[in-house]
Amino acid sequence: MKYLILLLLCASIVGVCYGFYIKPTQPENGDLFIGSSVALGFLIVMPLFIYHRWKNRSVKDYMLTKENILKMRDYNDSNSRNSKKNTPE
């Protein structure tokens, strides 16, 4: 999946560059390459990338629930106690 995303991203970048390269001589084809490459990037590559990065994660871990707020408070309290011990007096 990673290599497919990378290949499609490279194809999209090359398509945009090629479109700008041929645009002075063939404006219609240049616009077609640029537009289709941008569409490929946003409509195919971006959703594949987001799916690939989030497929094994739980959304509940990133939601602000009471349990997660308490965990954050405990974590912050333990860090503030540790930093007080390490400061020179």
PDB file of N, CA and C in Angstrom:
ATOM      1  N   MET A   1       0.832  -1.188   0.000  1.00  0.00           N
ATOM      2  CA  MET A   1       0.000   0.000   0.000  1.00  0.00           C
ATOM      3  C   MET A   1       0.878   1.254   0.000  1.00  0.00           C
ATOM      4  N   LYS A   2       1.956   1.214   0.785  1.00  0.00           N
ATOM      5  CA  LYS A   2       2.843   2.372   0.872  1.00  0.00           C
ATOM      6  C   LYS A   2       3.460   2.693  -0.484  1.00  0.00           C
ATOM      7  N   TYR A   3       3.864   1.659  -1.192  1.00  0.00           N
ATOM      8  CA  TYR A   3       4.500   1.877  -2.492  1.00  0.00           C
ATOM      9  C   TYR A   3       3.503   2.327  -3.551  1.00  0.00           C
ATOM     10  N   LEU A   4       2.276   1.866  -3.465  1.00  0.00           N
ATOM     11  CA  LEU A   4       1.227   2.323  -4.374  1.00  0.00           C
ATOM     12  C   LEU A   4       0.963   3.812  -4.167  1.00  0.00           C
ATOM     13  N   ILE A   5       0.868   4.225  -2.917  1.00  0.00           N
ATOM     14  CA  ILE A   5       0.640   5.640  -2.612  1.00  0.00           C
ATOM     15  C   ILE A   5       1.801   6.480  -3.116  1.00  0.00           C
ATOM     16  N   LEU A   6       3.016   6.014  -2.884  1.00  0.00           N
ATOM     17  CA  LEU A   6       4.197   6.746  -3.336  1.00  0.00           C
ATOM     18  C   LEU A   6       4.242   6.831  -4.861  1.00  0.00           C
ATOM     19  N   LEU A   7       3.901   5.747  -5.545  1.00  0.00           N
ATOM     20  CA  LEU A   7       3.881   5.737  -6.999  1.00  0.00           C
ATOM     21  C   LEU A   7       2.834   6.707  -7.548  1.00  0.00           C
ATOM     22  N   LEU A   8       1.641   6.698  -6.970  1.00  0.00           N
ATOM     23  CA  LEU A   8       0.594   7.610  -7.429  1.00  0.00           C
ATOM     24  C   LEU A   8       0.942   9.065  -7.132  1.00  0.00           C
ATOM     25  N   LEU A   9       1.587   9.323  -5.998  1.00  0.00           N
ATOM     26  CA  LEU A   9       2.007  10.677  -5.679  1.00  0.00           C
ATOM     27  C   LEU A   9       3.053  11.166  -6.674  1.00  0.00           C
ATOM     28  N   CYS A  10       4.013  10.319  -6.979  1.00  0.00           N
ATOM     29  CA  CYS A  10       5.037  10.692  -7.968  1.00  0.00           C
ATOM     30  C   CYS A  10       4.412  10.930  -9.337  1.00  0.00           C
ATOM     31  N   ALA A  11       3.455  10.082  -9.716  1.00  0.00           N
ATOM     32  CA  ALA A  11       2.778  10.260 -11.002  1.00  0.00           C
ATOM     33  C   ALA A  11       2.017  11.582 -11.038  1.00  0.00           C
ATOM     34  N   SER A  12       1.411  11.941  -9.923  1.00  0.00           N
ATOM     35  CA  SER A  12       0.681  13.203  -9.855  1.00  0.00           C
ATOM     36  C   SER A  12       1.630  14.392  -9.980  1.00  0.00           C
ATOM     37  N   ILE A  13       2.758  14.342  -9.293  1.00  0.00           N
ATOM     38  CA  ILE A  13       3.734  15.437  -9.365  1.00  0.00           C
ATOM     39  C   ILE A  13       4.325  15.549 -10.770  1.00  0.00           C
ATOM     40  N   VAL A  14       4.658  14.409 -11.365  1.00  0.00           N
ATOM     41  CA  VAL A  14       5.209  14.414 -12.724  1.00  0.00           C
ATOM     42  C   VAL A  14       4.169  14.944 -13.711  1.00  0.00           C
ATOM     43  N   GLY A  15       2.919  14.570 -13.523  1.00  0.00           N
ATOM     44  CA  GLY A  15       1.857  15.059 -14.408  1.00  0.00           C
ATOM     45  C   GLY A  15       1.681  16.565 -14.333  1.00  0.00           C
ATOM     46  N   VAL A  16       1.750  17.123 -13.126  1.00  0.00           N
ATOM     47  CA  VAL A  16       1.640  18.577 -12.981  1.00  0.00           C
ATOM     48  C   VAL A  16       2.832  19.257 -13.636  1.00  0.00           C
ATOM     49  N   CYS A  17       4.027  18.739 -13.394  1.00  0.00           N
ATOM     50  CA  CYS A  17       5.234  19.330 -14.008  1.00  0.00           C
ATOM     51  C   CYS A  17       5.180  19.248 -15.529  1.00  0.00           C
ATOM     52  N   TYR A  18       4.756  18.102 -16.065  1.00  0.00           N
ATOM     53  CA  TYR A  18       4.651  17.944 -17.515  1.00  0.00           C
ATOM     54  C   TYR A  18       3.589  18.889 -18.084  1.00  0.00           C
ATOM     55  N   GLY A  19       2.498  19.058 -17.355  1.00  0.00           N
ATOM     56  CA  GLY A  19       1.455  19.980 -17.799  1.00  0.00           C
ATOM     57  C   GLY A  19       1.956  21.407 -17.894  1.00  0.00           C
ATOM     58  N   PHE A  20       2.723  21.842 -16.897  1.00  0.00           N
ATOM     59  CA  PHE A  20       3.297  23.191 -16.970  1.00  0.00           C
ATOM     60  C   PHE A  20       4.358  23.297 -18.063  1.00  0.00           C
ATOM     61  N   TYR A  21       5.037  22.194 -18.347  1.00  0.00           N
ATOM     62  CA  TYR A  21       6.065  22.195 -19.389  1.00  0.00           C
ATOM     63  C   TYR A  21       5.454  22.362 -20.782  1.00  0.00           C
ATOM     64  N   ILE A  22       4.332  21.660 -21.046  1.00  0.00           N
ATOM     65  CA  ILE A  22       3.739  21.732 -22.385  1.00  0.00           C
ATOM     66  C   ILE A  22       2.685  22.828 -22.520  1.00  0.00           C
ATOM     67  N   LYS A  23       2.363  23.505 -21.436  1.00  0.00           N
ATOM     68  CA  LYS A  23       1.311  24.524 -21.485  1.00  0.00           C
ATOM     69  C   LYS A  23       1.603  25.682 -22.453  1.00  0.00           C
ATOM     70  N   PRO A  24       2.844  26.176 -22.576  1.00  0.00           N
ATOM     71  CA  PRO A  24       3.066  27.280 -23.532  1.00  0.00           C
ATOM     72  C   PRO A  24       2.790  26.896 -24.987  1.00  0.00           C
ATOM     73  N   THR A  25       3.044  25.650 -25.354  1.00  0.00           N
ATOM     74  CA  THR A  25       2.839  25.254 -26.751  1.00  0.00           C
ATOM     75  C   THR A  25       1.463  24.645 -26.988  1.00  0.00           C
ATOM     76  N   GLN A  26       0.932  23.921 -26.014  1.00  0.00           N
ATOM     77  CA  GLN A  26      -0.373  23.270 -26.135  1.00  0.00           C
ATOM     78  C   GLN A  26      -1.194  23.565 -24.873  1.00  0.00           C
ATOM     79  N   PRO A  27      -1.844  24.699 -24.811  1.00  0.00           N
ATOM     80  CA  PRO A  27      -2.533  25.087 -23.574  1.00  0.00           C
ATOM     81  C   PRO A  27      -3.644  24.119 -23.142  1.00  0.00           C
ATOM     82  N   GLU A  28      -4.369  23.549 -24.113  1.00  0.00           N
ATOM     83  CA  GLU A  28      -5.468  22.647 -23.748  1.00  0.00           C
ATOM     84  C   GLU A  28      -4.930  21.373 -23.098  1.00  0.00           C
ATOM     85  N   ASN A  29      -3.907  20.784 -23.714  1.00  0.00           N
ATOM     86  CA  ASN A  29      -3.335  19.558 -23.155  1.00  0.00           C
ATOM     87  C   ASN A  29      -2.615  19.830 -21.833  1.00  0.00           C
ATOM     88  N   GLY A  30      -1.976  20.981 -21.718  1.00  0.00           N
ATOM     89  CA  GLY A  30      -1.306  21.334 -20.471  1.00  0.00           C
ATOM     90  C   GLY A  30      -2.303  21.453 -19.332  1.00  0.00           C
ATOM     91  N   ASP A  31      -3.415  22.126 -19.604  1.00  0.00           N
ATOM     92  CA  ASP A  31      -4.460  22.250 -18.584  1.00  0.00           C
ATOM     93  C   ASP A  31      -5.059  20.892 -18.228  1.00  0.00           C
ATOM     94  N   LEU A  32      -5.203  20.032 -19.220  1.00  0.00           N
ATOM     95  CA  LEU A  32      -5.733  18.687 -18.967  1.00  0.00           C
ATOM     96  C   LEU A  32      -4.803  17.888 -18.061  1.00  0.00           C
ATOM     97  N   PHE A  33      -3.503  17.928 -18.337  1.00  0.00           N
ATOM     98  CA  PHE A  33      -2.548  17.209 -17.495  1.00  0.00           C
ATOM     99  C   PHE A  33      -2.518  17.770 -16.081  1.00  0.00           C
ATOM    100  N   ILE A  34      -2.514  19.086 -15.970  1.00  0.00           N
ATOM    101  CA  ILE A  34      -2.468  19.707 -14.642  1.00  0.00           C
ATOM    102  C   ILE A  34      -3.733  19.361 -13.852  1.00  0.00           C
ATOM    103  N   GLY A  35      -4.875  19.509 -14.467  1.00  0.00           N
ATOM    104  CA  GLY A  35      -6.142  19.237 -13.784  1.00  0.00           C
ATOM    105  C   GLY A  35      -6.306  17.791 -13.384  1.00  0.00           C
ATOM    106  N   SER A  36      -5.976  16.885 -14.295  1.00  0.00           N
ATOM    107  CA  SER A  36      -6.137  15.467 -13.956  1.00  0.00           C
ATOM    108  C   SER A  36      -5.122  15.026 -12.906  1.00  0.00           C
ATOM    109  N   SER A  37      -3.936  15.618 -12.909  1.00  0.00           N
ATOM    110  CA  SER A  37      -2.934  15.264 -11.895  1.00  0.00           C
ATOM    111  C   SER A  37      -3.327  15.781 -10.521  1.00  0.00           C
ATOM    112  N   VAL A  38      -3.885  16.979 -10.476  1.00  0.00           N
ATOM    113  CA  VAL A  38      -4.357  17.520  -9.199  1.00  0.00           C
ATOM    114  C   VAL A  38      -5.542  16.704  -8.685  1.00  0.00           C
ATOM    115  N   ALA A  39      -6.438  16.329  -9.579  1.00  0.00           N
ATOM    116  CA  ALA A  39      -7.579  15.503  -9.189  1.00  0.00           C
ATOM    117  C   ALA A  39      -7.101  14.147  -8.681  1.00  0.00           C
ATOM    118  N   LEU A  40      -6.120  13.554  -9.343  1.00  0.00           N
ATOM    119  CA  LEU A  40      -5.546  12.289  -8.880  1.00  0.00           C
ATOM    120  C   LEU A  40      -4.978  12.445  -7.473  1.00  0.00           C
ATOM    121  N   GLY A  41      -4.295  13.545  -7.250  1.00  0.00           N
ATOM    122  CA  GLY A  41      -3.692  13.768  -5.940  1.00  0.00           C
ATOM    123  C   GLY A  41      -4.718  13.929  -4.838  1.00  0.00           C
ATOM    124  N   PHE A  42      -5.759  14.705  -5.096  1.00  0.00           N
ATOM    125  CA  PHE A  42      -6.723  14.980  -4.039  1.00  0.00           C
ATOM    126  C   PHE A  42      -7.817  13.932  -3.905  1.00  0.00           C
ATOM    127  N   LEU A  43      -8.217  13.311  -4.998  1.00  0.00           N
ATOM    128  CA  LEU A  43      -9.332  12.376  -4.926  1.00  0.00           C
ATOM    129  C   LEU A  43      -8.906  10.927  -4.727  1.00  0.00           C
ATOM    130  N   ILE A  44      -7.668  10.589  -5.026  1.00  0.00           N
ATOM    131  CA  ILE A  44      -7.225   9.204  -4.890  1.00  0.00           C
ATOM    132  C   ILE A  44      -6.080   9.077  -3.900  1.00  0.00           C
ATOM    133  N   VAL A  45      -5.023   9.868  -4.079  1.00  0.00           N
ATOM    134  CA  VAL A  45      -3.838   9.717  -3.229  1.00  0.00           C
ATOM    135  C   VAL A  45      -4.131  10.125  -1.789  1.00  0.00           C
ATOM    136  N   MET A  46      -4.778  11.266  -1.586  1.00  0.00           N
ATOM    137  CA  MET A  46      -5.039  11.741  -0.226  1.00  0.00           C
ATOM    138  C   MET A  46      -5.924  10.786   0.573  1.00  0.00           C
ATOM    139  N   PRO A  47      -7.062  10.289   0.050  1.00  0.00           N
ATOM    140  CA  PRO A  47      -7.847   9.330   0.830  1.00  0.00           C
ATOM    141  C   PRO A  47      -7.096   8.016   1.092  1.00  0.00           C
ATOM    142  N   LEU A  48      -6.310   7.543   0.118  1.00  0.00           N
ATOM    143  CA  LEU A  48      -5.517   6.335   0.354  1.00  0.00           C
ATOM    144  C   LEU A  48      -4.491   6.549   1.460  1.00  0.00           C
ATOM    145  N   PHE A  49      -3.858   7.720   1.468  1.00  0.00           N
ATOM    146  CA  PHE A  49      -2.884   8.033   2.493  1.00  0.00           C
ATOM    147  C   PHE A  49      -3.542   8.107   3.872  1.00  0.00           C
ATOM    148  N   ILE A  50      -4.675   8.766   3.954  1.00  0.00           N
ATOM    149  CA  ILE A  50      -5.373   8.879   5.238  1.00  0.00           C
ATOM    150  C   ILE A  50      -5.814   7.506   5.727  1.00  0.00           C
ATOM    151  N   TYR A  51      -6.343   6.684   4.847  1.00  0.00           N
ATOM    152  CA  TYR A  51      -6.741   5.329   5.237  1.00  0.00           C
ATOM    153  C   TYR A  51      -5.539   4.522   5.707  1.00  0.00           C
ATOM    154  N   HIS A  52      -4.434   4.625   4.984  1.00  0.00           N
ATOM    155  CA  HIS A  52      -3.233   3.869   5.331  1.00  0.00           C
ATOM    156  C   HIS A  52      -2.708   4.268   6.711  1.00  0.00           C
ATOM    157  N   ARG A  53      -2.747   5.552   7.045  1.00  0.00           N
ATOM    158  CA  ARG A  53      -2.222   6.018   8.321  1.00  0.00           C
ATOM    159  C   ARG A  53      -3.146   5.717   9.487  1.00  0.00           C
ATOM    160  N   TRP A  54      -4.448   5.603   9.281  1.00  0.00           N
ATOM    161  CA  TRP A  54      -5.405   5.446  10.364  1.00  0.00           C
ATOM    162  C   TRP A  54      -6.022   4.062  10.459  1.00  0.00           C
ATOM    163  N   LYS A  55      -5.617   3.106   9.639  1.00  0.00           N
ATOM    164  CA  LYS A  55      -6.348   1.836   9.579  1.00  0.00           C
ATOM    165  C   LYS A  55      -6.235   0.998  10.856  1.00  0.00           C
ATOM    166  N   ASN A  56      -5.167   1.104  11.624  1.00  0.00           N
ATOM    167  CA  ASN A  56      -5.015   0.281  12.824  1.00  0.00           C
ATOM    168  C   ASN A  56      -5.153   1.084  14.109  1.00  0.00           C
ATOM    169  N   ARG A  57      -5.762   2.232  14.046  1.00  0.00           N
ATOM    170  CA  ARG A  57      -5.895   3.079  15.228  1.00  0.00           C
ATOM    171  C   ARG A  57      -7.335   3.148  15.674  1.00  0.00           C
ATOM    172  N   SER A  58      -7.490   3.361  16.954  1.00  0.00           N
ATOM    173  CA  SER A  58      -8.821   3.508  17.513  1.00  0.00           C
ATOM    174  C   SER A  58      -9.131   4.989  17.675  1.00  0.00           C
ATOM    175  N   VAL A  59     -10.262   5.415  17.167  1.00  0.00           N
ATOM    176  CA  VAL A  59     -10.646   6.811  17.257  1.00  0.00           C
ATOM    177  C   VAL A  59     -10.931   7.180  18.717  1.00  0.00           C
ATOM    178  N   LYS A  60     -11.319   6.198  19.517  1.00  0.00           N
ATOM    179  CA  LYS A  60     -11.621   6.446  20.919  1.00  0.00           C
ATOM    180  C   LYS A  60     -10.399   6.960  21.678  1.00  0.00           C
ATOM    181  N   ASP A  61      -9.209   6.564  21.264  1.00  0.00           N
ATOM    182  CA  ASP A  61      -7.993   7.037  21.924  1.00  0.00           C
ATOM    183  C   ASP A  61      -7.784   8.535  21.720  1.00  0.00           C
ATOM    184  N   TYR A  62      -8.347   9.109  20.687  1.00  0.00           N
ATOM    185  CA  TYR A  62      -8.135  10.510  20.363  1.00  0.00           C
ATOM    186  C   TYR A  62      -9.324  11.389  20.726  1.00  0.00           C
ATOM    187  N   MET A  63     -10.374  10.800  21.287  1.00  0.00           N
ATOM    188  CA  MET A  63     -11.536  11.578  21.689  1.00  0.00           C
ATOM    189  C   MET A  63     -11.341  12.094  23.109  1.00  0.00           C
ATOM    190  N   LEU A  64     -11.909  13.230  23.389  1.00  0.00           N
ATOM    191  CA  LEU A  64     -11.787  13.839  24.696  1.00  0.00           C
ATOM    192  C   LEU A  64     -12.913  13.317  25.590  1.00  0.00           C
ATOM    193  N   THR A  65     -12.655  12.200  26.263  1.00  0.00           N
ATOM    194  CA  THR A  65     -13.628  11.624  27.183  1.00  0.00           C
ATOM    195  C   THR A  65     -13.174  11.910  28.613  1.00  0.00           C
ATOM    196  N   LYS A  66     -14.038  11.636  29.566  1.00  0.00           N
ATOM    197  CA  LYS A  66     -13.694  11.865  30.970  1.00  0.00           C
ATOM    198  C   LYS A  66     -12.476  11.042  31.374  1.00  0.00           C
ATOM    199  N   GLU A  67     -12.424   9.818  30.893  1.00  0.00           N
ATOM    200  CA  GLU A  67     -11.300   8.931  31.212  1.00  0.00           C
ATOM    201  C   GLU A  67      -9.979   9.488  30.669  1.00  0.00           C
ATOM    202  N   ASN A  68     -10.003   9.981  29.442  1.00  0.00           N
ATOM    203  CA  ASN A  68      -8.787  10.545  28.856  1.00  0.00           C
ATOM    204  C   ASN A  68      -8.378  11.851  29.530  1.00  0.00           C
ATOM    205  N   ILE A  69      -9.338  12.649  29.956  1.00  0.00           N
ATOM    206  CA  ILE A  69      -9.012  13.877  30.680  1.00  0.00           C
ATOM    207  C   ILE A  69      -8.323  13.540  31.991  1.00  0.00           C
ATOM    208  N   LEU A  70      -8.822  12.530  32.703  1.00  0.00           N
ATOM    209  CA  LEU A  70      -8.190  12.122  33.957  1.00  0.00           C
ATOM    210  C   LEU A  70      -6.779  11.588  33.716  1.00  0.00           C
ATOM    211  N   LYS A  71      -6.585  10.844  32.631  1.00  0.00           N
ATOM    212  CA  LYS A  71      -5.244  10.366  32.300  1.00  0.00           C
ATOM    213  C   LYS A  71      -4.289  11.523  32.033  1.00  0.00           C
ATOM    214  N   MET A  72      -4.776  12.532  31.302  1.00  0.00           N
ATOM    215  CA  MET A  72      -3.928  13.697  31.020  1.00  0.00           C
ATOM    216  C   MET A  72      -3.586  14.452  32.298  1.00  0.00           C
ATOM    217  N   ARG A  73      -4.549  14.598  33.203  1.00  0.00           N
ATOM    218  CA  ARG A  73      -4.277  15.293  34.467  1.00  0.00           C
ATOM    219  C   ARG A  73      -3.259  14.530  35.300  1.00  0.00           C
ATOM    220  N   ASP A  74      -3.419  13.213  35.373  1.00  0.00           N
ATOM    221  CA  ASP A  74      -2.455  12.396  36.124  1.00  0.00           C
ATOM    222  C   ASP A  74      -1.068  12.503  35.513  1.00  0.00           C
ATOM    223  N   TYR A  75      -0.993  12.483  34.217  1.00  0.00           N
ATOM    224  CA  TYR A  75       0.291  12.589  33.530  1.00  0.00           C
ATOM    225  C   TYR A  75       0.937  13.950  33.796  1.00  0.00           C
ATOM    226  N   ASN A  76       0.154  15.007  33.703  1.00  0.00           N
ATOM    227  CA  ASN A  76       0.684  16.346  33.956  1.00  0.00           C
ATOM    228  C   ASN A  76       1.108  16.520  35.409  1.00  0.00           C
ATOM    229  N   ASP A  77       0.332  15.964  36.332  1.00  0.00           N
ATOM    230  CA  ASP A  77       0.695  16.056  37.749  1.00  0.00           C
ATOM    231  C   ASP A  77       1.990  15.314  38.040  1.00  0.00           C
ATOM    232  N   SER A  78       2.151  14.137  37.454  1.00  0.00           N
ATOM    233  CA  SER A  78       3.385  13.374  37.698  1.00  0.00           C
ATOM    234  C   SER A  78       4.587  14.085  37.084  1.00  0.00           C
ATOM    235  N   ASN A  79       4.414  14.730  35.944  1.00  0.00           N
ATOM    236  CA  ASN A  79       5.515  15.480  35.330  1.00  0.00           C
ATOM    237  C   ASN A  79       5.876  16.711  36.144  1.00  0.00           C
ATOM    238  N   SER A  80       4.875  17.381  36.707  1.00  0.00           N
ATOM    239  CA  SER A  80       5.176  18.579  37.499  1.00  0.00           C
ATOM    240  C   SER A  80       5.874  18.189  38.800  1.00  0.00           C
ATOM    241  N   ARG A  81       5.517  17.049  39.389  1.00  0.00           N
ATOM    242  CA  ARG A  81       6.220  16.587  40.595  1.00  0.00           C
ATOM    243  C   ARG A  81       7.662  16.214  40.279  1.00  0.00           C
ATOM    244  N   ASN A  82       7.890  15.559  39.138  1.00  0.00           N
ATOM    245  CA  ASN A  82       9.246  15.170  38.754  1.00  0.00           C
ATOM    246  C   ASN A  82      10.102  16.385  38.435  1.00  0.00           C
ATOM    247  N   SER A  83       9.520  17.398  37.826  1.00  0.00           N
ATOM    248  CA  SER A  83      10.309  18.579  37.489  1.00  0.00           C
ATOM    249  C   SER A  83      10.670  19.376  38.745  1.00  0.00           C
ATOM    250  N   LYS A  84       9.817  19.343  39.782  1.00  0.00           N
ATOM    251  CA  LYS A  84      10.124  20.025  41.034  1.00  0.00           C
ATOM    252  C   LYS A  84      11.280  19.330  41.766  1.00  0.00           C
ATOM    253  N   LYS A  85      11.357  18.005  41.648  1.00  0.00           N
ATOM    254  CA  LYS A  85      12.432  17.264  42.298  1.00  0.00           C
ATOM    255  C   LYS A  85      13.763  17.531  41.625  1.00  0.00           C
ATOM    256  N   ASN A  86      13.761  17.767  40.327  1.00  0.00           N
ATOM    257  CA  ASN A  86      14.994  17.922  39.571  1.00  0.00           C
ATOM    258  C   ASN A  86      15.513  19.354  39.524  1.00  0.00           C
ATOM    259  N   THR A  87      14.764  20.320  40.018  1.00  0.00           N
ATOM    260  CA  THR A  87      15.234  21.700  39.961  1.00  0.00           C
ATOM    261  C   THR A  87      16.166  21.976  41.140  1.00  0.00           C
ATOM    262  N   PRO A  88      17.278  22.656  40.907  1.00  0.00           N
ATOM    263  CA  PRO A  88      18.197  22.984  42.005  1.00  0.00           C
ATOM    264  C   PRO A  88      17.619  24.110  42.859  1.00  0.00           C
ATOM    265  N   GLU A  89      17.885  24.044  44.111  1.00  0.00           N
ATOM    266  CA  GLU A  89      17.361  25.053  45.035  1.00  0.00           C
ATOM    267  C   GLU A  89      18.436  25.996  45.480  1.00  0.00           C
TER     268      GLU A  89
END
